[in-house]
Amino acid sequence: MSSVPPLPVADPTPGSRQLARGITATWWYTASAVVFFELMLVVAWTGITAAVDLRGGAILVVAIGGVLWCASTMLLLADYRSRIDAGPGIAWGRLAVPFLVAVAYGLVAGSAVGSWALAAMPVAQFFVLLRWPRGIRMRVAATATLLLVALTVVDSTARGLDTGLPFWLPAVYAVLLPAMTVSSLWWWDVLVTLDRARASEAKLAATQERLRVATDVHDLQGHHLQVIALQLELAERLLPTDAEAGMEQLRAARLSVDEARQGTRDLATRFRSVPLGDELANARDLLTAAGLTVEAVIDPDADAAPGTALGPVIRETTTNVLRHGGGRRARLQLARIGDSWRYEIANDRMPGAPLDHDGSGLEGVRRRIEEAHGSLEVRRDADEFAVVVTVPSQPEEGR
């Protein structure tokens, strides 16, 4: 039993590759935005330290330690991205280094400045950057925000931290850090979800197409095989008593086999065929790449033309021009005229070139066009060679 070859796995289209590059770039924008905001906080706390204590030691601790802390949060961001497919739970073993850095920086910098908010900020950011199960992240971010705001109030009142800056400035930063981090990570999660939905939709479309092919093959082959089996069974019964009638059934079975083979070939051609507009575009690009000046006049409804008949003709005549043309110009035309389609390809000829340069390819074109009940015209002028094909529209186009 013949069957349709499996559909090849298509290479990623330029559009899908562009989307893949786009989601990767978005991740780097997200991560860099989080780290940049953290660096701005370090700069702000360095300025506060300079206002509280002009000695260089505390300033260096806050500044250099802050840079190291920002670098450690990149490990958290990398873990966040790599665990996009992970189940619930936190892999604490991999996060020991950034956790220790956050605790150490908070203790040292907070002690140097005398600020509870600075001491808690790195640890709070550590927990905000973890990939929590759904529904927990917002509670973690809200808790971190309230904690930082409360500690900012303590710094400004109970501890009497006087930086010369308005009270609301560190409070705003305290509120924005968890909110900005969570919103950035939420946007990344949304983008990943959309990208996965796009990939799933593409896979589903391919699966549905394969299922449709399998269904068509099953229906086609099943019908013909059932008919062939009945014809052979009838021939087996008739041969002992009526040889002529039995031979008639055998001939009918052979015709059914031919119909099944042709039907399978037609089915495979339908799924393998390239839209006629793409065939013409490929022909134009190929002739242009060969150095010819190409004039193309293509009907906007070119894909509605009978591609089974005209597709091979376009390929064969384009190859004919490349092999034997020798000129500098070519012309491609496809137009609908009434109930027929007219395809013409022409190329100029070099002076003195032989006239019979079509070889055996046009004979195959002629046979194919005659099978489609069309006509082929070959014009051999002194300065131009042209092939004109006219084929009727397919019945499903309204004939």
Protein backbone atom coordinates (compact mmCIF):
# COMPACT_ATOMS: atom_id res chain seq x y z
CA MET A 1 0.00 0.00 0.00
CA SER A 2 1.45 3.31 -1.04
CA SER A 3 1.38 6.18 1.36
CA VAL A 4 2.12 9.85 1.49
CA PRO A 5 5.66 10.58 2.73
CA PRO A 6 5.76 12.21 6.15
CA LEU A 7 5.76 15.96 6.17
CA PRO A 8 9.32 17.29 6.59
CA VAL A 9 10.18 19.23 9.68
CA ALA A 10 10.45 22.80 8.49
CA ASP A 11 13.37 24.95 9.50
CA PRO A 12 12.49 27.83 11.79
CA THR A 13 11.05 30.65 9.77
CA PRO A 14 12.69 34.08 9.86
CA GLY A 15 9.70 35.31 11.85
CA SER A 16 10.08 32.65 14.54
CA ARG A 17 13.82 33.21 14.74
CA GLN A 18 13.17 36.94 15.15
CA LEU A 19 10.70 36.21 17.95
CA ALA A 20 13.26 33.99 19.69
CA ARG A 21 15.84 36.76 19.48
CA GLY A 22 13.22 39.23 20.72
CA ILE A 23 12.38 37.29 23.87
CA THR A 24 16.08 36.90 24.69
CA ALA A 25 16.65 40.62 24.25
CA THR A 26 13.67 41.34 26.48
CA TRP A 27 15.20 39.23 29.22
CA TRP A 28 18.41 41.26 29.10
CA TYR A 29 16.38 44.47 29.25
CA THR A 30 14.53 43.12 32.29
CA ALA A 31 17.66 41.97 34.12
CA SER A 32 19.61 45.13 33.32
CA ALA A 33 16.70 47.30 34.53
CA VAL A 34 16.64 45.52 37.89
CA VAL A 35 20.41 45.74 38.34
CA PHE A 36 20.45 49.38 37.22
CA PHE A 37 17.82 50.30 39.80
CA GLU A 38 19.86 48.53 42.48
CA LEU A 39 22.97 50.47 41.44
CA MET A 40 21.02 53.71 41.70
CA LEU A 41 20.07 52.74 45.26
CA VAL A 42 23.73 52.07 46.05
CA VAL A 43 24.62 55.50 44.68
CA ALA A 44 21.86 57.08 46.79
CA TRP A 45 23.04 55.32 49.94
CA THR A 46 26.63 56.32 49.16
CA GLY A 47 25.45 59.94 49.04
CA ILE A 48 23.63 59.50 52.34
CA THR A 49 26.79 58.00 53.85
CA ALA A 50 28.82 60.96 52.66
CA ALA A 51 26.29 63.30 54.31
CA VAL A 52 26.40 61.38 57.62
CA ASP A 53 30.11 60.52 57.84
CA LEU A 54 32.73 62.21 55.71
CA ARG A 55 35.36 59.57 56.54
CA GLY A 56 36.32 57.54 53.50
CA GLY A 57 36.03 54.13 55.14
CA ALA A 58 32.25 54.05 55.44
CA ILE A 59 31.78 55.46 51.95
CA LEU A 60 33.99 52.76 50.45
CA VAL A 61 32.17 50.04 52.37
CA VAL A 62 28.79 51.20 51.09
CA ALA A 63 29.95 51.82 47.53
CA ILE A 64 32.21 48.80 46.89
CA GLY A 65 30.03 46.47 48.92
CA GLY A 66 27.00 47.70 46.99
CA VAL A 67 28.62 46.88 43.67
CA LEU A 68 29.39 43.35 44.89
CA TRP A 69 25.83 42.97 46.12
CA CYS A 70 24.43 44.06 42.74
CA ALA A 71 26.70 41.53 41.06
CA SER A 72 25.39 38.77 43.35
CA THR A 73 21.80 39.58 42.41
CA MET A 74 22.69 38.69 38.82
CA LEU A 75 23.06 35.11 40.07
CA LEU A 76 19.51 35.31 41.39
CA LEU A 77 18.26 36.65 38.07
CA ALA A 78 20.06 33.90 36.16
CA ASP A 79 18.52 31.30 38.46
CA TYR A 80 15.10 32.91 37.98
CA ARG A 81 15.36 32.56 34.22
CA SER A 82 16.80 29.03 34.24
CA ARG A 83 14.05 27.81 36.56
CA ILE A 84 11.26 28.90 34.26
CA ASP A 85 10.24 25.24 33.83
CA ALA A 86 10.96 24.18 37.41
CA GLY A 87 8.28 23.07 39.79
CA PRO A 88 7.36 24.80 43.02
CA GLY A 89 9.96 25.22 45.70
CA ILE A 90 13.24 27.06 46.09
CA ALA A 91 16.66 25.53 45.37
CA TRP A 92 18.32 27.00 48.44
CA GLY A 93 21.63 25.27 47.82
CA ARG A 94 22.32 27.25 44.65
CA LEU A 95 21.32 30.51 46.33
CA ALA A 96 23.66 30.36 49.33
CA VAL A 97 26.26 32.72 47.84
CA PRO A 98 23.90 35.62 46.94
CA PHE A 99 22.11 35.17 50.29
CA LEU A 100 25.36 35.42 52.26
CA VAL A 101 26.47 38.43 50.20
CA ALA A 102 23.14 40.18 50.86
CA VAL A 103 23.32 39.49 54.61
CA ALA A 104 26.96 40.57 54.87
CA TYR A 105 26.43 43.76 52.89
CA GLY A 106 23.34 44.64 54.88
CA LEU A 107 25.06 44.14 58.23
CA VAL A 108 28.29 45.95 57.33
CA ALA A 109 26.77 48.84 55.37
CA GLY A 110 23.86 49.26 57.76
CA SER A 111 26.24 49.40 60.73
CA ALA A 112 28.55 51.85 58.95
CA VAL A 113 25.69 54.24 58.20
CA GLY A 114 23.55 53.45 61.24
CA SER A 115 20.52 52.59 59.12
CA TRP A 116 18.09 49.74 59.69
CA ALA A 117 16.61 50.28 56.21
CA LEU A 118 20.00 49.80 54.54
CA ALA A 119 20.66 46.71 56.64
CA ALA A 120 17.36 45.11 55.57
CA MET A 121 17.28 46.24 51.93
CA PRO A 122 19.68 43.62 50.40
CA VAL A 123 18.00 40.74 52.26
CA ALA A 124 14.53 41.97 51.27
CA GLN A 125 15.63 42.19 47.62
CA PHE A 126 17.02 38.66 47.84
CA PHE A 127 13.62 37.25 48.77
CA VAL A 128 11.80 39.36 46.19
CA LEU A 129 14.03 37.98 43.41
CA LEU A 130 13.25 34.34 44.23
CA ARG A 131 10.91 32.38 41.98
CA TRP A 132 8.03 31.86 44.35
CA PRO A 133 4.97 29.74 43.54
CA ARG A 134 2.00 31.57 42.10
CA GLY A 135 0.23 33.81 44.60
CA ILE A 136 3.14 34.12 47.03
CA ARG A 137 5.32 36.64 45.19
CA MET A 138 2.97 39.57 45.70
CA ARG A 139 2.72 38.84 49.42
CA VAL A 140 6.51 38.69 49.67
CA ALA A 141 6.84 42.01 47.81
CA ALA A 142 4.16 43.66 49.98
CA THR A 143 5.85 42.42 53.16
CA ALA A 144 9.26 43.66 51.97
CA THR A 145 7.79 47.07 51.10
CA LEU A 146 6.10 47.48 54.48
CA LEU A 147 9.27 46.39 56.27
CA LEU A 148 11.47 48.88 54.40
CA VAL A 149 8.99 51.72 54.91
CA ALA A 150 8.78 50.95 58.64
CA LEU A 151 12.56 50.82 59.00
CA THR A 152 12.87 54.11 57.11
CA VAL A 153 10.53 55.68 59.66
CA VAL A 154 12.65 54.22 62.47
CA ASP A 155 15.82 55.65 60.88
CA SER A 156 14.25 59.10 60.66
CA THR A 157 12.73 59.19 64.16
CA ALA A 158 13.90 56.75 66.79
CA ARG A 159 17.51 56.62 65.62
CA GLY A 160 17.61 60.28 64.62
CA LEU A 161 19.44 59.66 61.35
CA ASP A 162 19.98 63.13 59.93
CA THR A 163 21.18 63.09 56.34
CA GLY A 164 20.05 66.54 55.29
CA LEU A 165 17.72 64.84 52.79
CA PRO A 166 13.91 64.92 52.90
CA PHE A 167 12.30 61.98 54.67
CA TRP A 168 10.22 60.92 51.67
CA LEU A 169 13.24 60.29 49.42
CA PRO A 170 14.52 57.05 51.01
CA ALA A 171 10.90 56.02 51.66
CA VAL A 172 10.10 56.32 47.95
CA TYR A 173 13.14 54.25 47.06
CA ALA A 174 12.12 51.66 49.65
CA VAL A 175 8.68 51.38 48.09
CA LEU A 176 9.91 51.36 44.49
CA LEU A 177 12.56 48.65 44.87
CA PRO A 178 10.24 45.66 45.49
CA ALA A 179 7.49 47.06 43.26
CA MET A 180 9.83 47.72 40.35
CA THR A 181 11.49 44.30 40.69
CA VAL A 182 8.21 42.41 40.87
CA SER A 183 6.69 44.30 37.92
CA SER A 184 9.77 43.62 35.78
CA LEU A 185 9.73 39.91 36.57
CA TRP A 186 5.96 39.78 36.04
CA TRP A 187 6.37 41.32 32.58
CA TRP A 188 9.02 38.73 31.74
CA ASP A 189 6.72 35.91 32.87
CA VAL A 190 3.91 37.27 30.69
CA LEU A 191 6.22 37.41 27.68
CA VAL A 192 7.38 33.84 28.26
CA THR A 193 3.77 32.69 28.52
CA LEU A 194 2.90 34.41 25.24
CA ASP A 195 5.93 32.94 23.51
CA ARG A 196 4.99 29.48 24.69
CA ALA A 197 1.43 30.00 23.51
CA ARG A 198 2.76 30.96 20.08
CA ALA A 199 4.98 27.86 19.94
CA SER A 200 2.12 25.63 21.13
CA GLU A 201 -0.18 27.10 18.49
CA ALA A 202 2.38 26.38 15.77
CA LYS A 203 2.82 22.80 16.98
CA LEU A 204 -0.94 22.32 17.18
CA ALA A 205 -1.35 23.58 13.62
CA ALA A 206 1.33 21.16 12.41
CA THR A 207 -0.29 18.30 14.31
CA GLN A 208 -3.70 19.10 12.87
CA GLU A 209 -2.21 19.22 9.38
CA ARG A 210 -0.58 15.81 9.85
CA LEU A 211 -3.87 14.44 11.19
CA ARG A 212 -5.67 15.77 8.14
CA VAL A 213 -3.11 14.14 5.84
CA ALA A 214 -3.43 10.84 7.71
CA THR A 215 -7.23 11.03 7.50
CA ASP A 216 -7.15 11.73 3.76
CA VAL A 217 -4.70 8.88 3.14
CA HIS A 218 -6.80 6.52 5.28
CA ASP A 219 -10.01 7.41 3.46
CA LEU A 220 -8.41 7.20 0.02
CA GLN A 221 -6.50 3.96 0.53
CA GLY A 222 -9.27 2.34 2.58
CA HIS A 223 -11.86 2.95 -0.12
CA HIS A 224 -9.72 1.66 -2.97
CA LEU A 225 -8.45 -1.36 -1.04
CA GLN A 226 -11.99 -2.33 -0.13
CA VAL A 227 -13.06 -2.11 -3.77
CA ILE A 228 -10.00 -4.06 -4.92
CA ALA A 229 -10.63 -6.77 -2.33
CA LEU A 230 -14.24 -7.18 -3.51
CA GLN A 231 -13.19 -7.28 -7.17
CA LEU A 232 -10.53 -9.93 -6.51
CA GLU A 233 -12.94 -12.00 -4.44
CA LEU A 234 -15.52 -11.82 -7.23
CA ALA A 235 -12.89 -12.73 -9.82
CA GLU A 236 -11.86 -15.74 -7.71
CA ARG A 237 -15.46 -16.97 -7.70
CA LEU A 238 -16.08 -16.36 -11.40
CA LEU A 239 -12.88 -17.75 -12.91
CA PRO A 240 -13.81 -21.47 -12.50
CA THR A 241 -17.22 -21.03 -14.16
CA ASP A 242 -16.96 -17.86 -16.29
CA ALA A 243 -13.38 -17.07 -17.21
CA GLU A 244 -14.25 -13.98 -19.24
CA ALA A 245 -16.26 -12.42 -16.41
CA GLY A 246 -13.48 -13.27 -13.97
CA MET A 247 -10.86 -11.64 -16.22
CA GLU A 248 -13.08 -8.55 -16.43
CA GLN A 249 -13.02 -8.27 -12.64
CA LEU A 250 -9.23 -8.66 -12.64
CA ARG A 251 -8.91 -5.86 -15.16
CA ALA A 252 -11.24 -3.73 -13.03
CA ALA A 253 -9.06 -4.46 -9.97
CA ARG A 254 -5.98 -3.36 -11.90
CA LEU A 255 -7.69 -0.10 -12.81
CA SER A 256 -8.62 0.40 -9.16
CA VAL A 257 -4.96 -0.03 -8.23
CA ASP A 258 -3.98 2.60 -10.80
CA GLU A 259 -6.65 4.95 -9.44
CA ALA A 260 -5.36 4.44 -5.90
CA ARG A 261 -1.80 5.19 -6.97
CA GLN A 262 -2.84 8.28 -8.90
CA GLY A 263 -5.01 9.48 -6.04
CA THR A 264 -2.11 9.10 -3.62
CA ARG A 265 0.21 11.00 -5.97
CA ASP A 266 -2.35 13.78 -6.33
CA LEU A 267 -2.74 13.96 -2.56
CA ALA A 268 1.01 14.17 -2.06
CA THR A 269 1.27 16.86 -4.74
CA ARG A 270 -1.43 18.90 -3.06
CA PHE A 271 0.40 18.95 0.25
CA ARG A 272 3.84 19.49 -1.26
CA SER A 273 2.88 22.18 -3.72
CA VAL A 274 4.23 25.69 -3.41
CA PRO A 275 1.82 28.60 -3.98
CA LEU A 276 2.09 29.77 -7.55
CA GLY A 277 2.87 33.31 -6.46
CA ASP A 278 5.91 31.98 -4.59
CA GLU A 279 6.96 29.97 -7.66
CA LEU A 280 6.92 33.12 -9.78
CA ALA A 281 8.76 35.11 -7.12
CA ASN A 282 11.42 32.39 -6.92
CA ALA A 283 11.76 32.38 -10.71
CA ARG A 284 12.15 36.16 -10.78
CA ASP A 285 14.75 36.10 -8.01
CA LEU A 286 16.67 33.30 -9.69
CA LEU A 287 16.82 35.13 -13.02
CA THR A 288 17.82 38.34 -11.28
CA ALA A 289 20.59 36.54 -9.41
CA ALA A 290 21.86 35.23 -12.73
CA GLY A 291 22.40 38.82 -13.88
CA LEU A 292 19.31 39.34 -16.04
CA THR A 293 17.05 42.38 -15.90
CA VAL A 294 13.65 40.90 -15.15
CA GLU A 295 10.27 42.46 -15.89
CA ALA A 296 7.54 40.65 -13.94
CA VAL A 297 3.82 41.29 -14.36
CA ILE A 298 1.95 38.91 -12.04
CA ASP A 299 -1.78 38.82 -11.39
CA PRO A 300 -2.64 39.59 -7.74
CA ASP A 301 -4.68 36.35 -7.64
CA ALA A 302 -1.80 34.23 -8.92
CA ASP A 303 -2.24 31.69 -6.13
CA ALA A 304 -5.67 30.86 -7.55
CA ALA A 305 -4.14 29.63 -10.83
CA PRO A 306 -3.82 25.85 -11.37
CA GLY A 307 -0.51 25.33 -9.61
CA THR A 308 -0.35 21.59 -10.37
CA ALA A 309 -0.13 22.35 -14.08
CA LEU A 310 1.74 25.66 -14.09
CA GLY A 311 4.19 25.08 -11.21
CA PRO A 312 6.40 22.56 -13.06
CA VAL A 313 6.09 24.66 -16.22
CA ILE A 314 7.44 27.74 -14.44
CA ARG A 315 10.37 25.76 -13.05
CA GLU A 316 11.21 24.11 -16.37
CA THR A 317 10.99 27.29 -18.47
CA THR A 318 13.06 29.25 -15.94
CA THR A 319 15.76 26.57 -16.11
CA ASN A 320 15.53 26.74 -19.89
CA VAL A 321 16.24 30.48 -19.87
CA LEU A 322 19.20 30.03 -17.54
CA ARG A 323 20.74 27.23 -19.58
CA HIS A 324 20.17 28.43 -23.09
CA GLY A 325 19.10 32.07 -23.02
CA GLY A 326 22.40 33.88 -23.11
CA GLY A 327 20.71 37.28 -23.14
CA ARG A 328 20.41 40.14 -20.67
CA ARG A 329 16.66 40.58 -20.22
CA ALA A 330 13.73 38.36 -19.31
CA ARG A 331 10.00 38.87 -18.99
CA LEU A 332 7.55 36.99 -16.79
CA GLN A 333 3.80 37.39 -17.11
CA LEU A 334 0.83 35.62 -15.56
CA ALA A 335 -2.67 36.92 -16.19
CA ARG A 336 -6.19 35.62 -16.02
CA ILE A 337 -8.07 35.93 -19.28
CA GLY A 338 -11.69 34.88 -18.97
CA ASP A 339 -11.81 31.29 -17.78
CA SER A 340 -8.14 30.66 -18.55
CA TRP A 341 -4.73 31.56 -17.22
CA ARG A 342 -1.98 32.77 -19.55
CA TYR A 343 1.66 32.38 -18.57
CA GLU A 344 4.48 33.81 -20.67
CA ILE A 345 8.22 33.81 -20.20
CA ALA A 346 10.51 35.46 -22.73
CA ASN A 347 14.18 36.32 -22.97
CA ASP A 348 16.27 38.22 -25.46
CA ARG A 349 18.75 36.35 -27.63
CA MET A 350 22.36 37.08 -28.30
CA PRO A 351 23.01 37.97 -31.94
CA GLY A 352 23.93 34.88 -33.94
CA ALA A 353 22.75 32.43 -31.27
CA PRO A 354 21.16 29.20 -32.59
CA LEU A 355 17.40 29.13 -32.71
CA ASP A 356 16.78 25.59 -31.41
CA HIS A 357 17.94 25.99 -27.83
CA ASP A 358 14.89 24.56 -26.08
CA GLY A 359 16.18 20.97 -25.89
CA SER A 360 13.85 18.23 -24.69
CA GLY A 361 12.45 20.15 -21.71
CA LEU A 362 9.68 21.81 -23.70
CA GLU A 363 8.41 18.44 -24.86
CA GLY A 364 7.72 17.53 -21.26
CA VAL A 365 6.03 20.91 -20.79
CA ARG A 366 3.88 20.25 -23.84
CA ARG A 367 2.75 16.86 -22.52
CA ARG A 368 1.90 18.29 -19.11
CA ILE A 369 -0.08 21.17 -20.60
CA GLU A 370 -1.98 18.85 -22.93
CA GLU A 371 -2.97 16.73 -19.91
CA ALA A 372 -4.37 19.91 -18.35
CA HIS A 373 -6.29 20.60 -21.60
CA GLY A 374 -4.22 23.70 -22.27
CA SER A 375 -2.08 24.96 -25.12
CA LEU A 376 1.63 25.69 -25.60
CA GLU A 377 3.07 28.24 -28.00
CA VAL A 378 6.80 28.64 -28.64
CA ARG A 379 8.00 31.73 -30.46
CA ARG A 380 11.52 31.83 -31.87
CA ASP A 381 12.31 35.27 -33.21
CA ALA A 382 15.67 36.59 -34.21
CA ASP A 383 16.06 38.60 -31.03
CA GLU A 384 13.67 36.91 -28.59
CA PHE A 385 12.61 33.46 -27.45
CA ALA A 386 9.21 33.15 -25.75
CA VAL A 387 7.07 30.39 -24.31
CA VAL A 388 3.35 31.05 -23.88
CA VAL A 389 1.15 28.62 -21.95
CA THR A 390 -2.62 28.85 -21.61
CA VAL A 391 -4.51 26.54 -19.27
CA PRO A 392 -8.15 26.53 -18.19
CA SER A 393 -9.09 27.43 -14.65
CA GLN A 394 -9.72 24.56 -12.31
CA PRO A 395 -13.33 23.52 -11.76
CA GLU A 396 -13.32 24.66 -8.14
CA GLU A 397 -12.63 28.20 -9.28
CA GLY A 398 -16.14 28.55 -10.59
CA ARG A 399 -16.08 27.02 -14.08
